[in-house]
Amino acid sequence: MATTSNKTPSTKGVDSRIAENRKALFNYAIEERYEAGMVLEGWEVKALREGKVQLTDGYVVIREGEMFLIGCQINPLHTASSHVSPDAVRTKKLLLHKEQIRRLVGKVEQKGYALVPLNLHWKTGKVKCEIALGRGKAEHDKRDTIKDREGKREVERAMKSRSR
């Protein structure tokens, strides 16, 4: 009987997230979410299976009707082929329908909107990137988010200590 690890795309019922950009949820108020395919090289897919990716500094741009993910760092494995020269911060093309891209162009041109990557995940054996149209939060909105998070922690601590 063959066993599969939790990081392979073929496992069922296991969280298929590869990487998540929590900073994006803090810095942006998310309005719309999209799932885009990614054009990757072989060594990048192998590195993603090992979880060697960082999305925090990533952002999405639209050039000539095509979407690109910039700043996403995929660190190559030490066992990468000798005939391939891996570039960790290579610009990756995102795949979406043309009408979706046209719609996003109009929204991104408005002041305060940006396209940010939220996470990378497996879907039917392929790597997908969840991107979001977000409006940048003001400093006071970020403080409110922190205050709400701290309040929830205090309530949880009180409930936990009360149940003892």
N, C-alpha and C. Protein backbone atom coordinates (compact mmCIF):
# COMPACT_ATOMS: atom_id res chain seq x y z
N MET A 1 0.83 -1.18 0.00
CA MET A 1 0.00 0.00 0.00
C MET A 1 0.88 1.24 0.00
N ALA A 2 0.64 2.16 -0.91
CA ALA A 2 1.45 3.37 -1.03
C ALA A 2 0.94 4.42 -0.07
N THR A 3 1.84 5.16 0.52
CA THR A 3 1.46 6.26 1.41
C THR A 3 1.81 7.56 0.75
N THR A 4 1.04 8.57 1.05
CA THR A 4 1.31 9.90 0.49
C THR A 4 1.54 10.88 1.62
N SER A 5 2.40 11.85 1.39
CA SER A 5 2.64 12.86 2.42
C SER A 5 1.56 13.94 2.33
N ASN A 6 1.46 14.74 3.37
CA ASN A 6 0.44 15.79 3.42
C ASN A 6 0.69 16.92 2.44
N LYS A 7 1.87 17.01 1.87
CA LYS A 7 2.20 18.14 1.01
C LYS A 7 1.99 17.85 -0.46
N THR A 8 1.67 16.63 -0.81
CA THR A 8 1.47 16.32 -2.22
C THR A 8 0.07 16.73 -2.64
N PRO A 9 -0.10 17.08 -3.89
CA PRO A 9 -1.41 17.55 -4.35
C PRO A 9 -2.45 16.45 -4.42
N SER A 10 -2.05 15.19 -4.34
CA SER A 10 -2.99 14.10 -4.52
C SER A 10 -3.75 13.73 -3.25
N THR A 11 -3.37 14.26 -2.10
CA THR A 11 -4.05 13.88 -0.87
C THR A 11 -5.42 14.52 -0.80
N LYS A 12 -6.36 13.76 -0.31
CA LYS A 12 -7.74 14.24 -0.20
C LYS A 12 -8.04 14.54 1.26
N GLY A 13 -8.83 15.58 1.51
CA GLY A 13 -9.24 15.90 2.86
C GLY A 13 -8.18 16.59 3.69
N VAL A 14 -7.04 16.87 3.12
CA VAL A 14 -5.96 17.54 3.84
C VAL A 14 -5.90 18.97 3.36
N ASP A 15 -5.56 19.89 4.26
CA ASP A 15 -5.45 21.29 3.87
C ASP A 15 -4.43 21.42 2.76
N SER A 16 -4.86 21.93 1.61
CA SER A 16 -4.00 21.97 0.44
C SER A 16 -3.28 23.29 0.28
N ARG A 17 -3.23 24.09 1.32
CA ARG A 17 -2.54 25.37 1.24
C ARG A 17 -1.03 25.16 1.23
N ILE A 18 -0.39 25.90 0.36
CA ILE A 18 1.06 25.85 0.27
C ILE A 18 1.64 27.00 1.08
N ALA A 19 1.12 28.20 0.85
CA ALA A 19 1.60 29.39 1.54
C ALA A 19 0.46 30.38 1.67
N GLU A 20 0.54 31.24 2.69
CA GLU A 20 -0.50 32.21 2.93
C GLU A 20 0.13 33.58 3.20
N ASN A 21 -0.55 34.62 2.76
CA ASN A 21 -0.07 35.99 2.95
C ASN A 21 -0.96 36.68 3.97
N ARG A 22 -0.64 36.50 5.25
CA ARG A 22 -1.46 37.09 6.32
C ARG A 22 -1.32 38.61 6.37
N LYS A 23 -0.18 39.09 5.93
CA LYS A 23 0.06 40.53 5.93
C LYS A 23 -0.94 41.26 5.01
N ALA A 24 -1.35 40.60 3.94
CA ALA A 24 -2.30 41.21 3.01
C ALA A 24 -3.64 41.47 3.68
N LEU A 25 -4.09 40.53 4.51
CA LEU A 25 -5.36 40.69 5.20
C LEU A 25 -5.30 41.83 6.23
N PHE A 26 -4.12 42.10 6.74
CA PHE A 26 -3.96 43.19 7.70
C PHE A 26 -3.88 44.55 6.99
N ASN A 27 -3.21 44.60 5.84
CA ASN A 27 -2.98 45.87 5.15
C ASN A 27 -4.08 46.27 4.19
N TYR A 28 -4.94 45.34 3.80
CA TYR A 28 -5.97 45.63 2.79
C TYR A 28 -7.34 45.15 3.26
N ALA A 29 -8.35 45.92 2.90
CA ALA A 29 -9.74 45.49 3.07
C ALA A 29 -10.11 44.76 1.79
N ILE A 30 -10.32 43.46 1.89
CA ILE A 30 -10.54 42.62 0.71
C ILE A 30 -11.97 42.79 0.22
N GLU A 31 -12.12 43.06 -1.09
CA GLU A 31 -13.45 43.24 -1.67
C GLU A 31 -13.83 42.09 -2.58
N GLU A 32 -12.93 41.62 -3.42
CA GLU A 32 -13.22 40.52 -4.33
C GLU A 32 -12.05 39.56 -4.34
N ARG A 33 -12.37 38.27 -4.50
CA ARG A 33 -11.33 37.23 -4.57
C ARG A 33 -11.43 36.50 -5.90
N TYR A 34 -10.27 36.12 -6.43
CA TYR A 34 -10.21 35.38 -7.68
C TYR A 34 -9.20 34.25 -7.52
N GLU A 35 -9.42 33.18 -8.25
CA GLU A 35 -8.47 32.08 -8.27
C GLU A 35 -7.83 32.02 -9.65
N ALA A 36 -6.52 32.13 -9.68
CA ALA A 36 -5.79 32.15 -10.95
C ALA A 36 -4.81 30.99 -11.01
N GLY A 37 -4.64 30.46 -12.20
CA GLY A 37 -3.62 29.45 -12.42
C GLY A 37 -2.26 30.13 -12.51
N MET A 38 -1.21 29.36 -12.40
CA MET A 38 0.15 29.92 -12.45
C MET A 38 0.98 29.16 -13.47
N VAL A 39 1.84 29.89 -14.18
CA VAL A 39 2.79 29.28 -15.10
C VAL A 39 4.09 29.12 -14.31
N LEU A 40 4.46 27.86 -14.05
CA LEU A 40 5.63 27.56 -13.23
C LEU A 40 6.59 26.64 -13.97
N GLU A 41 7.82 26.65 -13.55
CA GLU A 41 8.82 25.72 -14.06
C GLU A 41 8.86 24.50 -13.15
N GLY A 42 9.47 23.44 -13.62
CA GLY A 42 9.49 22.20 -12.86
C GLY A 42 10.12 22.32 -11.49
N TRP A 43 11.26 23.01 -11.40
CA TRP A 43 11.93 23.13 -10.11
C TRP A 43 11.08 23.92 -9.13
N GLU A 44 10.24 24.85 -9.63
CA GLU A 44 9.39 25.63 -8.75
C GLU A 44 8.29 24.76 -8.13
N VAL A 45 7.73 23.86 -8.91
CA VAL A 45 6.70 22.97 -8.40
C VAL A 45 7.28 22.07 -7.31
N LYS A 46 8.48 21.56 -7.55
CA LYS A 46 9.14 20.71 -6.55
C LYS A 46 9.40 21.49 -5.26
N ALA A 47 9.83 22.73 -5.39
CA ALA A 47 10.08 23.56 -4.21
C ALA A 47 8.77 23.88 -3.48
N LEU A 48 7.69 24.07 -4.23
CA LEU A 48 6.39 24.33 -3.59
C LEU A 48 5.92 23.12 -2.80
N ARG A 49 6.17 21.93 -3.30
CA ARG A 49 5.80 20.72 -2.55
C ARG A 49 6.51 20.66 -1.21
N GLU A 50 7.71 21.22 -1.15
CA GLU A 50 8.46 21.26 0.10
C GLU A 50 8.13 22.49 0.94
N GLY A 51 7.29 23.38 0.42
CA GLY A 51 6.89 24.56 1.18
C GLY A 51 7.92 25.68 1.19
N LYS A 52 8.78 25.74 0.21
CA LYS A 52 9.84 26.75 0.17
C LYS A 52 9.39 27.99 -0.60
N VAL A 53 8.38 28.67 -0.08
CA VAL A 53 7.82 29.84 -0.77
C VAL A 53 7.48 30.91 0.26
N GLN A 54 7.59 32.17 -0.18
CA GLN A 54 7.24 33.30 0.65
C GLN A 54 6.44 34.29 -0.18
N LEU A 55 5.22 34.58 0.26
CA LEU A 55 4.30 35.46 -0.48
C LEU A 55 4.22 36.88 0.08
N THR A 56 4.81 37.13 1.21
CA THR A 56 4.59 38.39 1.94
C THR A 56 4.86 39.63 1.11
N ASP A 57 5.91 39.63 0.33
CA ASP A 57 6.26 40.82 -0.46
C ASP A 57 5.69 40.80 -1.87
N GLY A 58 4.83 39.84 -2.15
CA GLY A 58 4.30 39.69 -3.50
C GLY A 58 3.18 40.66 -3.82
N TYR A 59 3.07 40.99 -5.08
CA TYR A 59 1.97 41.83 -5.57
C TYR A 59 1.71 41.46 -7.03
N VAL A 60 0.53 41.85 -7.51
CA VAL A 60 0.10 41.48 -8.86
C VAL A 60 0.02 42.74 -9.72
N VAL A 61 0.54 42.66 -10.93
CA VAL A 61 0.44 43.76 -11.88
C VAL A 61 -0.20 43.25 -13.17
N ILE A 62 -0.82 44.18 -13.88
CA ILE A 62 -1.43 43.85 -15.17
C ILE A 62 -0.67 44.62 -16.24
N ARG A 63 -0.08 43.87 -17.19
CA ARG A 63 0.67 44.48 -18.29
C ARG A 63 0.16 43.91 -19.61
N GLU A 64 -0.23 44.78 -20.50
CA GLU A 64 -0.67 44.38 -21.85
C GLU A 64 -1.71 43.27 -21.81
N GLY A 65 -2.66 43.38 -20.91
CA GLY A 65 -3.74 42.42 -20.83
C GLY A 65 -3.38 41.09 -20.19
N GLU A 66 -2.23 41.00 -19.56
CA GLU A 66 -1.81 39.79 -18.87
C GLU A 66 -1.45 40.12 -17.43
N MET A 67 -1.66 39.16 -16.53
CA MET A 67 -1.38 39.36 -15.11
C MET A 67 -0.09 38.66 -14.72
N PHE A 68 0.69 39.32 -13.86
CA PHE A 68 1.95 38.76 -13.40
C PHE A 68 2.08 38.90 -11.90
N LEU A 69 2.63 37.88 -11.27
CA LEU A 69 2.92 37.89 -9.84
C LEU A 69 4.38 38.26 -9.66
N ILE A 70 4.63 39.35 -8.96
CA ILE A 70 5.99 39.84 -8.76
C ILE A 70 6.30 39.82 -7.27
N GLY A 71 7.52 39.46 -6.93
CA GLY A 71 7.96 39.50 -5.54
C GLY A 71 7.68 38.24 -4.75
N CYS A 72 7.08 37.26 -5.35
CA CYS A 72 6.85 35.97 -4.70
C CYS A 72 8.16 35.18 -4.79
N GLN A 73 8.68 34.79 -3.66
CA GLN A 73 9.99 34.13 -3.65
C GLN A 73 9.82 32.63 -3.46
N ILE A 74 10.27 31.87 -4.45
CA ILE A 74 10.29 30.41 -4.37
C ILE A 74 11.75 30.00 -4.32
N ASN A 75 12.18 29.51 -3.18
CA ASN A 75 13.58 29.13 -3.01
C ASN A 75 13.84 27.76 -3.61
N PRO A 76 14.84 27.64 -4.48
CA PRO A 76 15.11 26.35 -5.13
C PRO A 76 15.66 25.33 -4.13
N LEU A 77 15.37 24.08 -4.39
CA LEU A 77 15.92 23.00 -3.58
C LEU A 77 17.40 22.81 -3.91
N HIS A 78 18.13 22.22 -2.99
CA HIS A 78 19.55 21.96 -3.25
C HIS A 78 19.73 20.89 -4.31
N THR A 79 18.68 20.11 -4.51
CA THR A 79 18.76 19.02 -5.48
C THR A 79 18.28 19.44 -6.87
N ALA A 80 18.17 20.75 -7.10
CA ALA A 80 17.73 21.22 -8.42
C ALA A 80 18.72 20.79 -9.49
N SER A 81 18.25 20.63 -10.69
CA SER A 81 19.10 20.16 -11.79
C SER A 81 20.26 21.11 -12.03
N SER A 82 21.34 20.55 -12.51
CA SER A 82 22.53 21.37 -12.77
C SER A 82 22.39 22.16 -14.06
N HIS A 83 21.53 21.73 -14.98
CA HIS A 83 21.38 22.43 -16.25
C HIS A 83 20.35 23.57 -16.17
N VAL A 84 19.71 23.74 -15.01
CA VAL A 84 18.72 24.80 -14.83
C VAL A 84 19.31 25.82 -13.86
N SER A 85 19.21 27.09 -14.22
CA SER A 85 19.67 28.13 -13.29
C SER A 85 18.44 28.77 -12.65
N PRO A 86 18.05 28.32 -11.45
CA PRO A 86 16.83 28.82 -10.82
C PRO A 86 16.95 30.27 -10.35
N ASP A 87 15.91 31.04 -10.59
CA ASP A 87 15.82 32.42 -10.12
C ASP A 87 14.68 32.48 -9.11
N ALA A 88 15.00 32.73 -7.85
CA ALA A 88 14.02 32.64 -6.76
C ALA A 88 12.91 33.68 -6.88
N VAL A 89 13.18 34.85 -7.45
CA VAL A 89 12.17 35.91 -7.52
C VAL A 89 11.71 36.17 -8.95
N ARG A 90 11.70 35.13 -9.75
CA ARG A 90 11.26 35.23 -11.13
C ARG A 90 9.81 35.70 -11.20
N THR A 91 9.49 36.55 -12.17
CA THR A 91 8.12 37.00 -12.38
C THR A 91 7.31 35.84 -12.94
N LYS A 92 6.17 35.56 -12.29
CA LYS A 92 5.34 34.42 -12.69
C LYS A 92 4.05 34.91 -13.32
N LYS A 93 3.67 34.31 -14.43
CA LYS A 93 2.45 34.69 -15.12
C LYS A 93 1.25 34.03 -14.45
N LEU A 94 0.18 34.82 -14.28
CA LEU A 94 -1.06 34.30 -13.73
C LEU A 94 -2.07 34.14 -14.85
N LEU A 95 -2.89 33.12 -14.76
CA LEU A 95 -3.85 32.80 -15.81
C LEU A 95 -5.28 33.07 -15.34
N LEU A 96 -5.95 34.00 -16.00
CA LEU A 96 -7.35 34.32 -15.74
C LEU A 96 -8.03 34.56 -17.08
N HIS A 97 -9.34 34.52 -17.10
CA HIS A 97 -10.08 34.81 -18.32
C HIS A 97 -9.92 36.28 -18.69
N LYS A 98 -9.94 36.58 -19.99
CA LYS A 98 -9.73 37.95 -20.47
C LYS A 98 -10.75 38.92 -19.90
N GLU A 99 -12.02 38.50 -19.83
CA GLU A 99 -13.05 39.41 -19.30
C GLU A 99 -12.82 39.71 -17.82
N GLN A 100 -12.29 38.75 -17.07
CA GLN A 100 -11.97 39.01 -15.67
C GLN A 100 -10.82 40.01 -15.56
N ILE A 101 -9.82 39.85 -16.42
CA ILE A 101 -8.67 40.76 -16.38
C ILE A 101 -9.12 42.17 -16.77
N ARG A 102 -9.95 42.29 -17.81
CA ARG A 102 -10.44 43.62 -18.21
C ARG A 102 -11.21 44.29 -17.09
N ARG A 103 -12.01 43.52 -16.40
CA ARG A 103 -12.79 44.07 -15.28
C ARG A 103 -11.87 44.55 -14.15
N LEU A 104 -10.81 43.77 -13.90
CA LEU A 104 -9.87 44.14 -12.84
C LEU A 104 -9.06 45.37 -13.22
N VAL A 105 -8.75 45.54 -14.49
CA VAL A 105 -7.98 46.72 -14.92
C VAL A 105 -8.71 47.99 -14.52
N GLY A 106 -10.00 48.04 -14.79
CA GLY A 106 -10.78 49.23 -14.45
C GLY A 106 -10.81 49.49 -12.96
N LYS A 107 -10.88 48.43 -12.15
CA LYS A 107 -10.94 48.62 -10.70
C LYS A 107 -9.59 49.00 -10.12
N VAL A 108 -8.51 48.43 -10.65
CA VAL A 108 -7.18 48.72 -10.11
C VAL A 108 -6.77 50.15 -10.41
N GLU A 109 -7.26 50.71 -11.52
CA GLU A 109 -6.91 52.08 -11.86
C GLU A 109 -7.53 53.09 -10.90
N GLN A 110 -8.56 52.69 -10.16
CA GLN A 110 -9.14 53.58 -9.17
C GLN A 110 -8.16 53.75 -8.01
N LYS A 111 -8.20 54.91 -7.40
CA LYS A 111 -7.26 55.22 -6.33
C LYS A 111 -7.50 54.34 -5.11
N GLY A 112 -6.43 53.80 -4.58
CA GLY A 112 -6.50 53.03 -3.36
C GLY A 112 -6.67 51.53 -3.54
N TYR A 113 -6.90 51.06 -4.76
CA TYR A 113 -7.09 49.63 -4.99
C TYR A 113 -5.79 48.98 -5.45
N ALA A 114 -5.63 47.72 -5.06
CA ALA A 114 -4.45 46.96 -5.46
C ALA A 114 -4.83 45.50 -5.57
N LEU A 115 -4.06 44.75 -6.35
CA LEU A 115 -4.22 43.31 -6.45
C LEU A 115 -3.12 42.66 -5.62
N VAL A 116 -3.51 41.84 -4.66
CA VAL A 116 -2.54 41.20 -3.78
C VAL A 116 -2.77 39.69 -3.78
N PRO A 117 -1.69 38.91 -3.71
CA PRO A 117 -1.85 37.46 -3.58
C PRO A 117 -2.19 37.09 -2.14
N LEU A 118 -3.21 36.27 -1.94
CA LEU A 118 -3.60 35.85 -0.60
C LEU A 118 -2.97 34.51 -0.22
N ASN A 119 -3.01 33.55 -1.15
CA ASN A 119 -2.40 32.26 -0.83
C ASN A 119 -2.10 31.49 -2.11
N LEU A 120 -1.30 30.45 -1.95
CA LEU A 120 -1.03 29.48 -2.99
C LEU A 120 -1.57 28.16 -2.48
N HIS A 121 -2.26 27.42 -3.34
CA HIS A 121 -2.82 26.13 -2.93
C HIS A 121 -2.88 25.18 -4.10
N TRP A 122 -3.06 23.89 -3.77
CA TRP A 122 -3.21 22.85 -4.78
C TRP A 122 -4.68 22.69 -5.10
N LYS A 123 -4.99 22.50 -6.38
CA LYS A 123 -6.34 22.19 -6.80
C LYS A 123 -6.25 21.25 -7.99
N THR A 124 -6.73 20.06 -7.80
CA THR A 124 -6.67 18.99 -8.81
C THR A 124 -5.26 18.85 -9.40
N GLY A 125 -4.27 18.84 -8.53
CA GLY A 125 -2.90 18.61 -8.96
C GLY A 125 -2.20 19.81 -9.57
N LYS A 126 -2.84 20.96 -9.58
CA LYS A 126 -2.24 22.16 -10.14
C LYS A 126 -2.13 23.23 -9.05
N VAL A 127 -1.13 24.09 -9.19
CA VAL A 127 -0.94 25.18 -8.23
C VAL A 127 -1.82 26.34 -8.65
N LYS A 128 -2.60 26.84 -7.71
CA LYS A 128 -3.47 27.99 -7.94
C LYS A 128 -3.07 29.10 -6.98
N CYS A 129 -3.26 30.33 -7.42
CA CYS A 129 -2.97 31.50 -6.60
C CYS A 129 -4.28 32.24 -6.37
N GLU A 130 -4.65 32.41 -5.12
CA GLU A 130 -5.84 33.19 -4.81
C GLU A 130 -5.41 34.66 -4.70
N ILE A 131 -5.95 35.48 -5.58
CA ILE A 131 -5.62 36.90 -5.55
C ILE A 131 -6.86 37.67 -5.13
N ALA A 132 -6.64 38.87 -4.61
CA ALA A 132 -7.76 39.66 -4.13
C ALA A 132 -7.62 41.10 -4.57
N LEU A 133 -8.76 41.70 -4.83
CA LEU A 133 -8.82 43.13 -5.08
C LEU A 133 -9.07 43.76 -3.73
N GLY A 134 -8.13 44.56 -3.29
CA GLY A 134 -8.23 45.14 -1.95
C GLY A 134 -7.99 46.63 -1.96
N ARG A 135 -8.63 47.29 -1.02
CA ARG A 135 -8.42 48.72 -0.82
C ARG A 135 -7.50 48.87 0.38
N GLY A 136 -6.45 49.67 0.23
CA GLY A 136 -5.49 49.87 1.31
C GLY A 136 -6.15 50.44 2.55
N LYS A 137 -5.83 49.86 3.70
CA LYS A 137 -6.39 50.34 4.95
C LYS A 137 -5.61 51.56 5.43
N ALA A 138 -6.34 52.48 6.06
CA ALA A 138 -5.70 53.63 6.69
C ALA A 138 -5.11 53.18 8.02
N GLU A 139 -4.24 54.01 8.60
CA GLU A 139 -3.56 53.65 9.84
C GLU A 139 -4.56 53.39 10.98
N HIS A 140 -5.62 54.20 11.04
CA HIS A 140 -6.59 54.00 12.13
C HIS A 140 -7.38 52.71 11.95
N ASP A 141 -7.60 52.28 10.71
CA ASP A 141 -8.27 51.00 10.47
C ASP A 141 -7.40 49.84 10.94
N LYS A 142 -6.09 49.96 10.74
CA LYS A 142 -5.18 48.91 11.20
C LYS A 142 -5.19 48.85 12.72
N ARG A 143 -5.24 50.02 13.38
CA ARG A 143 -5.30 50.04 14.85
C ARG A 143 -6.58 49.38 15.34
N ASP A 144 -7.69 49.62 14.64
CA ASP A 144 -8.96 48.98 15.01
C ASP A 144 -8.86 47.46 14.88
N THR A 145 -8.20 47.00 13.83
CA THR A 145 -8.02 45.57 13.64
C THR A 145 -7.23 44.97 14.79
N ILE A 146 -6.17 45.64 15.19
CA ILE A 146 -5.34 45.16 16.30
C ILE A 146 -6.16 45.15 17.59
N LYS A 147 -6.92 46.21 17.81
CA LYS A 147 -7.74 46.30 19.03
C LYS A 147 -8.77 45.18 19.09
N ASP A 148 -9.42 44.90 17.98
CA ASP A 148 -10.40 43.81 17.93
C ASP A 148 -9.73 42.45 18.21
N ARG A 149 -8.58 42.25 17.63
CA ARG A 149 -7.86 40.98 17.82
C ARG A 149 -7.46 40.81 19.28
N GLU A 150 -6.96 41.89 19.91
CA GLU A 150 -6.57 41.82 21.33
C GLU A 150 -7.78 41.56 22.21
N GLY A 151 -8.91 42.19 21.88
CA GLY A 151 -10.14 41.97 22.66
C GLY A 151 -10.59 40.52 22.60
N LYS A 152 -10.53 39.92 21.42
CA LYS A 152 -10.91 38.51 21.28
C LYS A 152 -9.99 37.61 22.10
N ARG A 153 -8.70 37.92 22.12
CA ARG A 153 -7.75 37.13 22.91
C ARG A 153 -8.08 37.20 24.39
N GLU A 154 -8.40 38.41 24.87
CA GLU A 154 -8.72 38.56 26.29
C GLU A 154 -9.97 37.79 26.66
N VAL A 155 -10.98 37.82 25.79
CA VAL A 155 -12.21 37.06 26.06
C VAL A 155 -11.92 35.57 26.11
N GLU A 156 -11.09 35.09 25.17
CA GLU A 156 -10.74 33.67 25.17
C GLU A 156 -9.97 33.29 26.42
N ARG A 157 -9.05 34.14 26.86
CA ARG A 157 -8.29 33.86 28.09
C ARG A 157 -9.23 33.81 29.29
N ALA A 158 -10.17 34.75 29.36
CA ALA A 158 -11.11 34.78 30.49
C ALA A 158 -11.98 33.51 30.49
N MET A 159 -12.45 33.11 29.31
CA MET A 159 -13.29 31.90 29.23
C MET A 159 -12.48 30.65 29.61
N LYS A 160 -11.20 30.62 29.20
CA LYS A 160 -10.36 29.48 29.49
C LYS A 160 -10.07 29.39 30.99
N SER A 161 -9.76 30.53 31.62
CA SER A 161 -9.46 30.52 33.04
C SER A 161 -10.71 30.25 33.87
N ARG A 162 -11.87 30.63 33.38
CA ARG A 162 -13.13 30.42 34.10
C ARG A 162 -13.53 28.94 34.06
N SER A 163 -13.20 28.27 32.98
CA SER A 163 -13.57 26.85 32.84
C SER A 163 -12.70 25.95 33.68
N ARG A 164 -11.61 26.44 34.23
CA ARG A 164 -10.71 25.60 35.03
C ARG A 164 -11.23 25.39 36.39
